[in-house]
Amino acid sequence: MTVLIILGVLLVALLVVVPLLERSSFRISAEQTSKMSRWILPLLVVMVVVQLIMHFTSN
């Protein structure tokens, strides 16, 4: 039941957020996108390492 509630909330949020973003004038340039994408992989690696440390120290 909890999964259905979570999926319902996500669906409603998606139905609200997508039209708002389409109407807004918020645009990201190619330069900003490349700067952000440069950080994605290192942050994911840090997140995985932290999760592994938390997993092995909790037992």
N, C-alpha and C. Protein backbone atom coordinates (compact mmCIF):
# COMPACT_ATOMS: atom_id res chain seq x y z
N MET A 1 0.82 -1.20 0.00
CA MET A 1 0.00 0.00 0.00
C MET A 1 0.86 1.26 0.00
N THR A 2 1.95 1.21 0.75
CA THR A 2 2.85 2.36 0.81
C THR A 2 3.44 2.68 -0.56
N VAL A 3 3.75 1.63 -1.31
CA VAL A 3 4.33 1.83 -2.64
C VAL A 3 3.33 2.56 -3.54
N LEU A 4 2.07 2.21 -3.45
CA LEU A 4 1.05 2.88 -4.27
C LEU A 4 0.91 4.35 -3.89
N ILE A 5 1.01 4.65 -2.61
CA ILE A 5 0.93 6.05 -2.17
C ILE A 5 2.12 6.83 -2.71
N ILE A 6 3.31 6.25 -2.62
CA ILE A 6 4.51 6.92 -3.13
C ILE A 6 4.39 7.14 -4.63
N LEU A 7 3.95 6.12 -5.36
CA LEU A 7 3.78 6.26 -6.81
C LEU A 7 2.74 7.31 -7.15
N GLY A 8 1.66 7.38 -6.38
CA GLY A 8 0.63 8.39 -6.60
C GLY A 8 1.16 9.79 -6.39
N VAL A 9 1.93 9.99 -5.32
CA VAL A 9 2.50 11.30 -5.04
C VAL A 9 3.48 11.69 -6.14
N LEU A 10 4.31 10.75 -6.59
CA LEU A 10 5.25 11.05 -7.67
C LEU A 10 4.53 11.40 -8.97
N LEU A 11 3.45 10.70 -9.26
CA LEU A 11 2.68 10.99 -10.47
C LEU A 11 2.06 12.38 -10.41
N VAL A 12 1.48 12.73 -9.28
CA VAL A 12 0.88 14.06 -9.13
C VAL A 12 1.96 15.14 -9.23
N ALA A 13 3.10 14.91 -8.59
CA ALA A 13 4.20 15.88 -8.67
C ALA A 13 4.67 16.03 -10.11
N LEU A 14 4.75 14.94 -10.83
CA LEU A 14 5.16 15.00 -12.23
C LEU A 14 4.16 15.76 -13.08
N LEU A 15 2.87 15.53 -12.84
CA LEU A 15 1.84 16.23 -13.60
C LEU A 15 1.80 17.72 -13.28
N VAL A 16 2.27 18.11 -12.12
CA VAL A 16 2.29 19.53 -11.75
C VAL A 16 3.58 20.20 -12.20
N VAL A 17 4.72 19.54 -11.99
CA VAL A 17 6.02 20.16 -12.24
C VAL A 17 6.31 20.30 -13.73
N VAL A 18 6.00 19.30 -14.54
CA VAL A 18 6.33 19.36 -15.96
C VAL A 18 5.67 20.55 -16.66
N PRO A 19 4.36 20.78 -16.50
CA PRO A 19 3.78 21.96 -17.14
C PRO A 19 4.35 23.28 -16.62
N LEU A 20 4.67 23.34 -15.33
CA LEU A 20 5.26 24.56 -14.79
C LEU A 20 6.62 24.84 -15.40
N LEU A 21 7.43 23.80 -15.57
CA LEU A 21 8.74 23.99 -16.18
C LEU A 21 8.65 24.35 -17.65
N GLU A 22 7.65 23.81 -18.35
CA GLU A 22 7.49 24.14 -19.76
C GLU A 22 7.08 25.59 -19.96
N ARG A 23 6.29 26.12 -19.04
CA ARG A 23 5.84 27.51 -19.16
C ARG A 23 6.89 28.51 -18.69
N SER A 24 7.79 28.09 -17.83
CA SER A 24 8.77 29.04 -17.30
C SER A 24 9.83 29.34 -18.35
N SER A 25 10.55 30.41 -18.13
CA SER A 25 11.60 30.80 -19.07
C SER A 25 12.97 30.36 -18.56
N PHE A 26 13.00 29.38 -17.68
CA PHE A 26 14.25 28.88 -17.11
C PHE A 26 14.97 28.02 -18.14
N ARG A 27 16.11 28.49 -18.59
CA ARG A 27 16.90 27.76 -19.58
C ARG A 27 18.33 27.63 -19.07
N ILE A 28 18.95 26.51 -19.41
CA ILE A 28 20.34 26.27 -19.02
C ILE A 28 21.17 26.24 -20.30
N SER A 29 22.24 27.01 -20.29
CA SER A 29 23.10 27.06 -21.48
C SER A 29 23.94 25.79 -21.57
N ALA A 30 24.53 25.59 -22.73
CA ALA A 30 25.39 24.42 -22.94
C ALA A 30 26.61 24.47 -22.04
N GLU A 31 27.11 25.67 -21.78
CA GLU A 31 28.27 25.82 -20.90
C GLU A 31 27.93 25.40 -19.47
N GLN A 32 26.76 25.84 -18.98
CA GLN A 32 26.34 25.45 -17.64
C GLN A 32 26.11 23.94 -17.55
N THR A 33 25.53 23.38 -18.59
CA THR A 33 25.28 21.94 -18.61
C THR A 33 26.59 21.16 -18.55
N SER A 34 27.58 21.59 -19.30
CA SER A 34 28.86 20.88 -19.29
C SER A 34 29.56 21.01 -17.94
N LYS A 35 29.42 22.17 -17.29
CA LYS A 35 30.01 22.34 -15.96
C LYS A 35 29.35 21.40 -14.95
N MET A 36 28.03 21.29 -15.02
CA MET A 36 27.33 20.41 -14.09
C MET A 36 27.63 18.95 -14.37
N SER A 37 27.69 18.56 -15.64
CA SER A 37 27.91 17.16 -15.97
C SER A 37 29.31 16.70 -15.58
N ARG A 38 30.24 17.62 -15.48
CA ARG A 38 31.59 17.29 -15.06
C ARG A 38 31.62 16.78 -13.62
N TRP A 39 30.66 17.21 -12.80
CA TRP A 39 30.62 16.85 -11.38
C TRP A 39 29.81 15.60 -11.09
N ILE A 40 29.00 15.14 -12.03
CA ILE A 40 28.07 14.04 -11.76
C ILE A 40 28.79 12.75 -11.38
N LEU A 41 29.72 12.29 -12.20
CA LEU A 41 30.39 11.02 -11.94
C LEU A 41 31.21 11.04 -10.64
N PRO A 42 32.02 12.06 -10.37
CA PRO A 42 32.74 12.07 -9.09
C PRO A 42 31.80 12.07 -7.88
N LEU A 43 30.69 12.78 -7.96
CA LEU A 43 29.75 12.79 -6.84
C LEU A 43 29.10 11.42 -6.66
N LEU A 44 28.80 10.73 -7.75
CA LEU A 44 28.25 9.38 -7.64
C LEU A 44 29.25 8.42 -7.01
N VAL A 45 30.51 8.54 -7.36
CA VAL A 45 31.55 7.69 -6.77
C VAL A 45 31.65 7.96 -5.27
N VAL A 46 31.64 9.23 -4.88
CA VAL A 46 31.69 9.58 -3.46
C VAL A 46 30.47 9.01 -2.73
N MET A 47 29.31 9.11 -3.34
CA MET A 47 28.09 8.59 -2.72
C MET A 47 28.18 7.08 -2.51
N VAL A 48 28.68 6.36 -3.51
CA VAL A 48 28.80 4.90 -3.38
C VAL A 48 29.80 4.54 -2.29
N VAL A 49 30.92 5.23 -2.23
CA VAL A 49 31.92 4.95 -1.20
C VAL A 49 31.34 5.21 0.19
N VAL A 50 30.64 6.30 0.36
CA VAL A 50 30.03 6.62 1.66
C VAL A 50 29.00 5.55 2.03
N GLN A 51 28.19 5.13 1.08
CA GLN A 51 27.21 4.08 1.36
C GLN A 51 27.88 2.77 1.73
N LEU A 52 28.97 2.42 1.07
CA LEU A 52 29.69 1.20 1.43
C LEU A 52 30.27 1.29 2.83
N ILE A 53 30.83 2.43 3.17
CA ILE A 53 31.37 2.62 4.52
C ILE A 53 30.26 2.51 5.55
N MET A 54 29.14 3.15 5.29
CA MET A 54 28.01 3.07 6.23
C MET A 54 27.51 1.63 6.35
N HIS A 55 27.47 0.91 5.25
CA HIS A 55 26.98 -0.47 5.28
C HIS A 55 27.90 -1.37 6.11
N PHE A 56 29.21 -1.26 5.89
CA PHE A 56 30.14 -2.15 6.57
C PHE A 56 30.38 -1.76 8.02
N THR A 57 30.16 -0.51 8.38
CA THR A 57 30.34 -0.12 9.78
C THR A 57 29.08 -0.32 10.61
N SER A 58 27.95 -0.54 9.99
CA SER A 58 26.71 -0.71 10.75
C SER A 58 26.56 -2.13 11.28
N ASN A 59 27.29 -3.09 10.73
CA ASN A 59 27.15 -4.49 11.18
C ASN A 59 28.08 -4.81 12.31
